[in-house]
Amino acid sequence: MGWGCGRRQAIVIGDTIGTGIFLVSSDMARTVGSARLVFASWIIGGVIVLFGAFCYAELGAAFPKAGGPYVYLGRGLGPVWDFFSGG
């Protein structure tokens, strides 16, 4: 029985979210003082990260070359910025 791509993605996502929730939530609750504000900040942060992932996916589709951020910065902002990004 093999591990499909969806199962592996679920493990990575669950690990990332679980680590963030268990390590950061108590500090957030102590700072803001309200469970509703903690939940709202997690939801807003999740939406922002989702939009970032969509943007990154669009860049990957528009510039299908190896190099990721190096290619995107060089193509979008010029060779100086891709140099500073580590290229």
C-alpha atoms as a PDB file:
ATOM      1  CA  MET A   1       0.000   0.000   0.000  1.00  0.00           C
ATOM      2  CA  GLY A   2       1.724   3.190  -1.199  1.00  0.00           C
ATOM      3  CA  TRP A   3       1.449   6.700   0.021  1.00  0.00           C
ATOM      4  CA  GLY A   4      -0.257   8.841  -2.592  1.00  0.00           C
ATOM      5  CA  CYS A   5       0.509  12.470  -3.267  1.00  0.00           C
ATOM      6  CA  GLY A   6      -2.597  13.631  -1.401  1.00  0.00           C
ATOM      7  CA  ARG A   7      -1.677  11.687   1.729  1.00  0.00           C
ATOM      8  CA  ARG A   8       1.852  13.111   1.728  1.00  0.00           C
ATOM      9  CA  GLN A   9       0.524  16.639   1.260  1.00  0.00           C
ATOM     10  CA  ALA A  10      -1.915  16.156   4.135  1.00  0.00           C
ATOM     11  CA  ILE A  11       0.931  15.078   6.418  1.00  0.00           C
ATOM     12  CA  VAL A  12       3.061  18.106   5.532  1.00  0.00           C
ATOM     13  CA  ILE A  13       0.146  20.543   5.864  1.00  0.00           C
ATOM     14  CA  GLY A  14      -1.029  18.963   9.125  1.00  0.00           C
ATOM     15  CA  ASP A  15       2.481  19.073  10.558  1.00  0.00           C
ATOM     16  CA  THR A  16       2.922  22.719   9.601  1.00  0.00           C
ATOM     17  CA  ILE A  17      -0.434  23.852  10.928  1.00  0.00           C
ATOM     18  CA  GLY A  18      -0.219  21.671  14.030  1.00  0.00           C
ATOM     19  CA  THR A  19       3.202  22.997  14.954  1.00  0.00           C
ATOM     20  CA  GLY A  20       2.059  26.578  14.508  1.00  0.00           C
ATOM     21  CA  ILE A  21      -1.106  26.089  16.518  1.00  0.00           C
ATOM     22  CA  PHE A  22       0.554  24.365  19.454  1.00  0.00           C
ATOM     23  CA  LEU A  23       3.565  26.667  19.653  1.00  0.00           C
ATOM     24  CA  VAL A  24       2.026  30.057  18.910  1.00  0.00           C
ATOM     25  CA  SER A  25      -1.601  30.016  20.049  1.00  0.00           C
ATOM     26  CA  SER A  26      -0.880  30.389  23.754  1.00  0.00           C
ATOM     27  CA  ASP A  27       1.283  33.457  23.111  1.00  0.00           C
ATOM     28  CA  MET A  28      -1.379  34.915  20.830  1.00  0.00           C
ATOM     29  CA  ALA A  29      -4.143  34.321  23.382  1.00  0.00           C
ATOM     30  CA  ARG A  30      -2.055  35.906  26.116  1.00  0.00           C
ATOM     31  CA  THR A  31      -1.384  38.959  23.931  1.00  0.00           C
ATOM     32  CA  VAL A  32      -4.854  39.624  22.495  1.00  0.00           C
ATOM     33  CA  GLY A  33      -6.899  38.243  25.387  1.00  0.00           C
ATOM     34  CA  SER A  34      -9.719  36.805  23.276  1.00  0.00           C
ATOM     35  CA  ALA A  35     -10.231  33.428  21.636  1.00  0.00           C
ATOM     36  CA  ARG A  36     -12.255  35.051  18.849  1.00  0.00           C
ATOM     37  CA  LEU A  37      -9.381  37.338  17.928  1.00  0.00           C
ATOM     38  CA  VAL A  38      -6.993  34.376  17.895  1.00  0.00           C
ATOM     39  CA  PHE A  39      -9.296  32.458  15.544  1.00  0.00           C
ATOM     40  CA  ALA A  40      -9.818  35.528  13.370  1.00  0.00           C
ATOM     41  CA  SER A  41      -6.090  36.126  13.083  1.00  0.00           C
ATOM     42  CA  TRP A  42      -5.493  32.486  12.087  1.00  0.00           C
ATOM     43  CA  ILE A  43      -8.212  32.689   9.443  1.00  0.00           C
ATOM     44  CA  ILE A  44      -6.955  36.012   8.055  1.00  0.00           C
ATOM     45  CA  GLY A  45      -3.383  34.712   8.029  1.00  0.00           C
ATOM     46  CA  GLY A  46      -4.521  31.557   6.234  1.00  0.00           C
ATOM     47  CA  VAL A  47      -6.290  33.581   3.551  1.00  0.00           C
ATOM     48  CA  ILE A  48      -3.196  35.744   3.036  1.00  0.00           C
ATOM     49  CA  VAL A  49      -0.998  32.645   2.722  1.00  0.00           C
ATOM     50  CA  LEU A  50      -3.487  31.091   0.285  1.00  0.00           C
ATOM     51  CA  PHE A  51      -3.356  34.194  -1.923  1.00  0.00           C
ATOM     52  CA  GLY A  52       0.441  34.056  -1.794  1.00  0.00           C
ATOM     53  CA  ALA A  53       0.334  30.423  -2.904  1.00  0.00           C
ATOM     54  CA  PHE A  54      -1.964  31.356  -5.791  1.00  0.00           C
ATOM     55  CA  CYS A  55       0.448  34.098  -6.857  1.00  0.00           C
ATOM     56  CA  TYR A  56       3.380  31.726  -6.659  1.00  0.00           C
ATOM     57  CA  ALA A  57       1.472  29.156  -8.757  1.00  0.00           C
ATOM     58  CA  GLU A  58       0.699  31.775 -11.397  1.00  0.00           C
ATOM     59  CA  LEU A  59       4.354  32.796 -11.538  1.00  0.00           C
ATOM     60  CA  GLY A  60       5.337  29.154 -11.941  1.00  0.00           C
ATOM     61  CA  ALA A  61       2.874  28.762 -14.805  1.00  0.00           C
ATOM     62  CA  ALA A  62       4.004  31.997 -16.454  1.00  0.00           C
ATOM     63  CA  PHE A  63       7.743  31.239 -16.162  1.00  0.00           C
ATOM     64  CA  PRO A  64       8.150  27.445 -16.413  1.00  0.00           C
ATOM     65  CA  LYS A  65      11.892  27.385 -15.798  1.00  0.00           C
ATOM     66  CA  ALA A  66      14.017  25.862 -13.067  1.00  0.00           C
ATOM     67  CA  GLY A  67      15.077  28.328 -10.383  1.00  0.00           C
ATOM     68  CA  GLY A  68      11.857  29.462  -8.723  1.00  0.00           C
ATOM     69  CA  PRO A  69      12.188  32.846  -7.002  1.00  0.00           C
ATOM     70  CA  TYR A  70      15.485  33.505  -8.784  1.00  0.00           C
ATOM     71  CA  VAL A  71      13.740  33.339 -12.168  1.00  0.00           C
ATOM     72  CA  TYR A  72      10.714  35.331 -11.005  1.00  0.00           C
ATOM     73  CA  LEU A  73      12.755  38.166  -9.525  1.00  0.00           C
ATOM     74  CA  GLY A  74      15.157  38.312 -12.463  1.00  0.00           C
ATOM     75  CA  ARG A  75      12.357  38.380 -14.983  1.00  0.00           C
ATOM     76  CA  GLY A  76      10.108  40.766 -13.060  1.00  0.00           C
ATOM     77  CA  LEU A  77      12.535  43.203 -11.431  1.00  0.00           C
ATOM     78  CA  GLY A  78      15.840  42.782 -13.255  1.00  0.00           C
ATOM     79  CA  PRO A  79      19.165  41.014 -12.839  1.00  0.00           C
ATOM     80  CA  VAL A  80      20.222  43.000  -9.772  1.00  0.00           C
ATOM     81  CA  TRP A  81      17.356  41.581  -7.690  1.00  0.00           C
ATOM     82  CA  ASP A  82      17.896  38.004  -8.744  1.00  0.00           C
ATOM     83  CA  PHE A  83      21.564  38.423  -7.826  1.00  0.00           C
ATOM     84  CA  PHE A  84      20.579  39.636  -4.346  1.00  0.00           C
ATOM     85  CA  SER A  85      18.172  36.708  -3.954  1.00  0.00           C
ATOM     86  CA  GLY A  86      21.090  34.299  -4.216  1.00  0.00           C
ATOM     87  CA  GLY A  87      21.255  33.609  -7.929  1.00  0.00           C
END
